[in-house]
């Protein structure tokens, strides 16, 4: 009798693992699609503004001084 219960528990655990794998796969696909859409709009906005909006975030001015002896 214990073997039957163990087998049923194993089947339920396997079905749960399969369902979680499917949910994780769907989540990964949706994340990839959303990242692609965001990148696409970033490219369009960069083209429309001649790249000024993306350059503003990337430029950092730092002064580096070296002494000559």
N, C-alpha and C. Protein backbone atom coordinates (compact mmCIF):
# COMPACT_ATOMS: atom_id res chain seq x y z
N UNK A 1 0.83 -1.21 0.00
CA UNK A 1 0.00 0.00 0.00
C UNK A 1 0.87 1.26 0.00
N UNK A 2 2.00 1.21 0.71
CA UNK A 2 2.89 2.37 0.76
C UNK A 2 3.50 2.69 -0.58
N UNK A 3 3.72 1.65 -1.40
CA UNK A 3 4.30 1.87 -2.72
C UNK A 3 3.33 2.61 -3.62
N UNK A 4 2.04 2.33 -3.49
CA UNK A 4 1.03 3.00 -4.32
C UNK A 4 0.95 4.48 -3.95
N UNK A 5 0.98 4.77 -2.65
CA UNK A 5 0.93 6.17 -2.19
C UNK A 5 2.19 6.90 -2.65
N UNK A 6 3.32 6.25 -2.58
CA UNK A 6 4.57 6.87 -3.02
C UNK A 6 4.54 7.15 -4.51
N UNK A 7 3.98 6.23 -5.27
CA UNK A 7 3.87 6.42 -6.72
C UNK A 7 2.94 7.58 -7.05
N UNK A 8 1.83 7.68 -6.35
CA UNK A 8 0.89 8.78 -6.59
C UNK A 8 1.52 10.11 -6.20
N UNK A 9 2.25 10.16 -5.09
CA UNK A 9 2.95 11.39 -4.70
C UNK A 9 3.97 11.80 -5.75
N UNK A 10 4.68 10.82 -6.29
CA UNK A 10 5.68 11.10 -7.31
C UNK A 10 5.03 11.65 -8.58
N UNK A 11 3.89 11.09 -8.96
CA UNK A 11 3.18 11.57 -10.14
C UNK A 11 2.70 13.02 -9.92
N UNK A 12 2.15 13.30 -8.75
CA UNK A 12 1.69 14.67 -8.45
C UNK A 12 2.86 15.65 -8.45
N UNK A 13 3.98 15.23 -7.89
CA UNK A 13 5.16 16.09 -7.86
C UNK A 13 5.69 16.37 -9.27
N UNK A 14 5.65 15.34 -10.12
CA UNK A 14 6.09 15.51 -11.51
C UNK A 14 5.17 16.44 -12.27
N UNK A 15 3.86 16.29 -12.08
CA UNK A 15 2.90 17.18 -12.75
C UNK A 15 3.10 18.62 -12.28
N UNK A 16 3.35 18.82 -11.01
CA UNK A 16 3.61 20.16 -10.49
C UNK A 16 4.87 20.76 -11.08
N UNK A 17 5.91 19.94 -11.24
CA UNK A 17 7.16 20.42 -11.83
C UNK A 17 6.96 20.82 -13.29
N UNK A 18 6.17 20.02 -14.02
CA UNK A 18 5.91 20.33 -15.42
C UNK A 18 5.13 21.63 -15.54
N UNK A 19 4.13 21.81 -14.69
CA UNK A 19 3.34 23.05 -14.74
C UNK A 19 4.20 24.27 -14.40
N UNK A 20 5.08 24.14 -13.42
CA UNK A 20 5.96 25.26 -13.08
C UNK A 20 6.95 25.57 -14.21
N UNK A 21 7.42 24.53 -14.89
CA UNK A 21 8.31 24.75 -16.03
C UNK A 21 7.59 25.50 -17.15
N UNK A 22 6.33 25.15 -17.37
CA UNK A 22 5.54 25.84 -18.40
C UNK A 22 5.34 27.30 -18.02
N UNK A 23 4.99 27.55 -16.76
CA UNK A 23 4.79 28.94 -16.31
C UNK A 23 6.09 29.73 -16.42
N UNK A 24 7.21 29.13 -16.03
CA UNK A 24 8.49 29.82 -16.14
C UNK A 24 8.85 30.10 -17.60
N UNK A 25 8.55 29.17 -18.49
CA UNK A 25 8.80 29.39 -19.92
C UNK A 25 7.97 30.53 -20.48
N UNK A 26 6.70 30.57 -20.11
CA UNK A 26 5.83 31.66 -20.57
C UNK A 26 6.34 33.00 -20.02
N UNK A 27 6.76 33.02 -18.77
CA UNK A 27 7.31 34.25 -18.19
C UNK A 27 8.57 34.71 -18.91
N UNK A 28 9.43 33.77 -19.26
CA UNK A 28 10.66 34.13 -19.98
C UNK A 28 10.35 34.68 -21.37
N UNK A 29 9.37 34.07 -22.04
CA UNK A 29 8.98 34.55 -23.37
C UNK A 29 8.40 35.96 -23.28
N UNK A 30 7.52 36.19 -22.31
CA UNK A 30 6.93 37.53 -22.15
C UNK A 30 7.99 38.57 -21.81
N UNK A 31 8.97 38.19 -20.98
CA UNK A 31 10.04 39.12 -20.63
C UNK A 31 10.86 39.48 -21.87
N UNK A 32 11.16 38.49 -22.71
CA UNK A 32 11.91 38.75 -23.93
C UNK A 32 11.14 39.66 -24.88
N UNK A 33 9.84 39.44 -25.01
CA UNK A 33 9.02 40.27 -25.90
C UNK A 33 8.98 41.71 -25.38
N UNK A 34 8.78 41.88 -24.09
CA UNK A 34 8.71 43.23 -23.52
C UNK A 34 10.05 43.94 -23.66
N UNK A 35 11.15 43.24 -23.41
CA UNK A 35 12.47 43.85 -23.59
C UNK A 35 12.71 44.25 -25.04
N UNK A 36 12.23 43.44 -25.97
CA UNK A 36 12.36 43.79 -27.39
C UNK A 36 11.55 45.03 -27.75
N UNK A 37 10.35 45.14 -27.22
CA UNK A 37 9.51 46.32 -27.49
C UNK A 37 10.16 47.57 -26.90
N UNK A 38 10.68 47.47 -25.69
CA UNK A 38 11.34 48.62 -25.06
C UNK A 38 12.57 49.04 -25.87
N UNK A 39 13.34 48.08 -26.33
CA UNK A 39 14.52 48.41 -27.14
C UNK A 39 14.12 49.05 -28.46
N UNK A 40 13.03 48.56 -29.05
CA UNK A 40 12.55 49.12 -30.31
C UNK A 40 12.14 50.58 -30.14
N UNK A 41 11.39 50.88 -29.07
CA UNK A 41 10.99 52.27 -28.84
C UNK A 41 12.19 53.14 -28.47
N UNK A 42 13.18 52.57 -27.81
CA UNK A 42 14.40 53.32 -27.50
C UNK A 42 15.12 53.71 -28.78
N UNK A 43 15.16 52.81 -29.75
CA UNK A 43 15.81 53.11 -31.03
C UNK A 43 15.03 54.18 -31.78
N UNK A 44 13.71 54.09 -31.78
CA UNK A 44 12.89 55.08 -32.49
C UNK A 44 13.05 56.45 -31.85
N UNK A 45 13.00 56.52 -30.53
CA UNK A 45 13.16 57.80 -29.85
C UNK A 45 14.55 58.36 -30.08
N UNK A 46 15.56 57.51 -30.08
CA UNK A 46 16.92 57.95 -30.33
C UNK A 46 17.05 58.52 -31.74
N UNK A 47 16.40 57.89 -32.71
CA UNK A 47 16.45 58.41 -34.09
C UNK A 47 15.71 59.74 -34.21
N UNK A 48 14.56 59.86 -33.56
CA UNK A 48 13.78 61.08 -33.67
C UNK A 48 14.46 62.26 -32.98
N UNK A 49 15.20 62.00 -31.95
CA UNK A 49 15.87 63.08 -31.23
C UNK A 49 17.35 63.19 -31.59
N UNK A 50 17.75 62.51 -32.65
CA UNK A 50 19.13 62.49 -33.11
C UNK A 50 20.09 62.00 -32.03
N UNK A 51 19.63 61.16 -31.17
CA UNK A 51 20.47 60.56 -30.15
C UNK A 51 20.74 61.42 -28.95
N UNK A 52 20.10 62.60 -28.85
CA UNK A 52 20.38 63.50 -27.73
C UNK A 52 19.87 62.95 -26.40
N UNK A 53 18.75 62.26 -26.41
CA UNK A 53 18.21 61.78 -25.14
C UNK A 53 19.06 60.65 -24.56
N UNK A 54 19.63 59.81 -25.41
CA UNK A 54 20.43 58.71 -24.88
C UNK A 54 21.82 59.19 -24.48
N UNK A 55 22.33 60.23 -25.15
CA UNK A 55 23.66 60.72 -24.80
C UNK A 55 23.67 61.43 -23.46
N UNK A 56 22.55 62.05 -23.10
CA UNK A 56 22.49 62.79 -21.85
C UNK A 56 22.75 61.88 -20.65
N UNK A 57 22.29 60.65 -20.70
CA UNK A 57 22.46 59.74 -19.58
C UNK A 57 23.85 59.13 -19.54
N UNK A 58 24.50 59.05 -20.68
CA UNK A 58 25.77 58.35 -20.74
C UNK A 58 26.97 59.23 -20.48
N UNK A 59 26.86 60.53 -20.72
CA UNK A 59 28.02 61.38 -20.58
C UNK A 59 28.25 61.74 -19.13
N UNK A 60 29.43 61.54 -18.69
CA UNK A 60 29.84 61.97 -17.36
C UNK A 60 31.16 62.70 -17.53
N UNK A 61 31.20 63.86 -16.97
CA UNK A 61 32.42 64.66 -17.09
C UNK A 61 33.27 64.43 -15.86
N UNK A 62 34.46 64.02 -16.10
CA UNK A 62 35.39 63.84 -15.00
C UNK A 62 36.70 64.48 -15.41
N UNK A 63 37.29 65.16 -14.48
CA UNK A 63 38.57 65.80 -14.75
C UNK A 63 39.67 64.95 -14.15
N UNK A 64 40.64 64.67 -14.97
CA UNK A 64 41.76 63.87 -14.54
C UNK A 64 43.01 64.70 -14.70
N UNK A 65 43.65 64.96 -13.61
CA UNK A 65 44.86 65.79 -13.66
C UNK A 65 46.06 64.92 -13.35
N UNK A 66 47.08 65.18 -14.11
CA UNK A 66 48.35 64.48 -13.87
C UNK A 66 49.41 65.52 -13.59
N UNK A 67 50.25 65.23 -12.68
CA UNK A 67 51.31 66.18 -12.36
C UNK A 67 52.59 65.79 -13.08
N UNK A 68 53.23 66.78 -13.62
CA UNK A 68 54.51 66.53 -14.29
C UNK A 68 55.64 66.98 -13.39
N UNK A 69 56.56 66.10 -13.17
CA UNK A 69 57.70 66.43 -12.32
C UNK A 69 58.96 66.38 -13.12
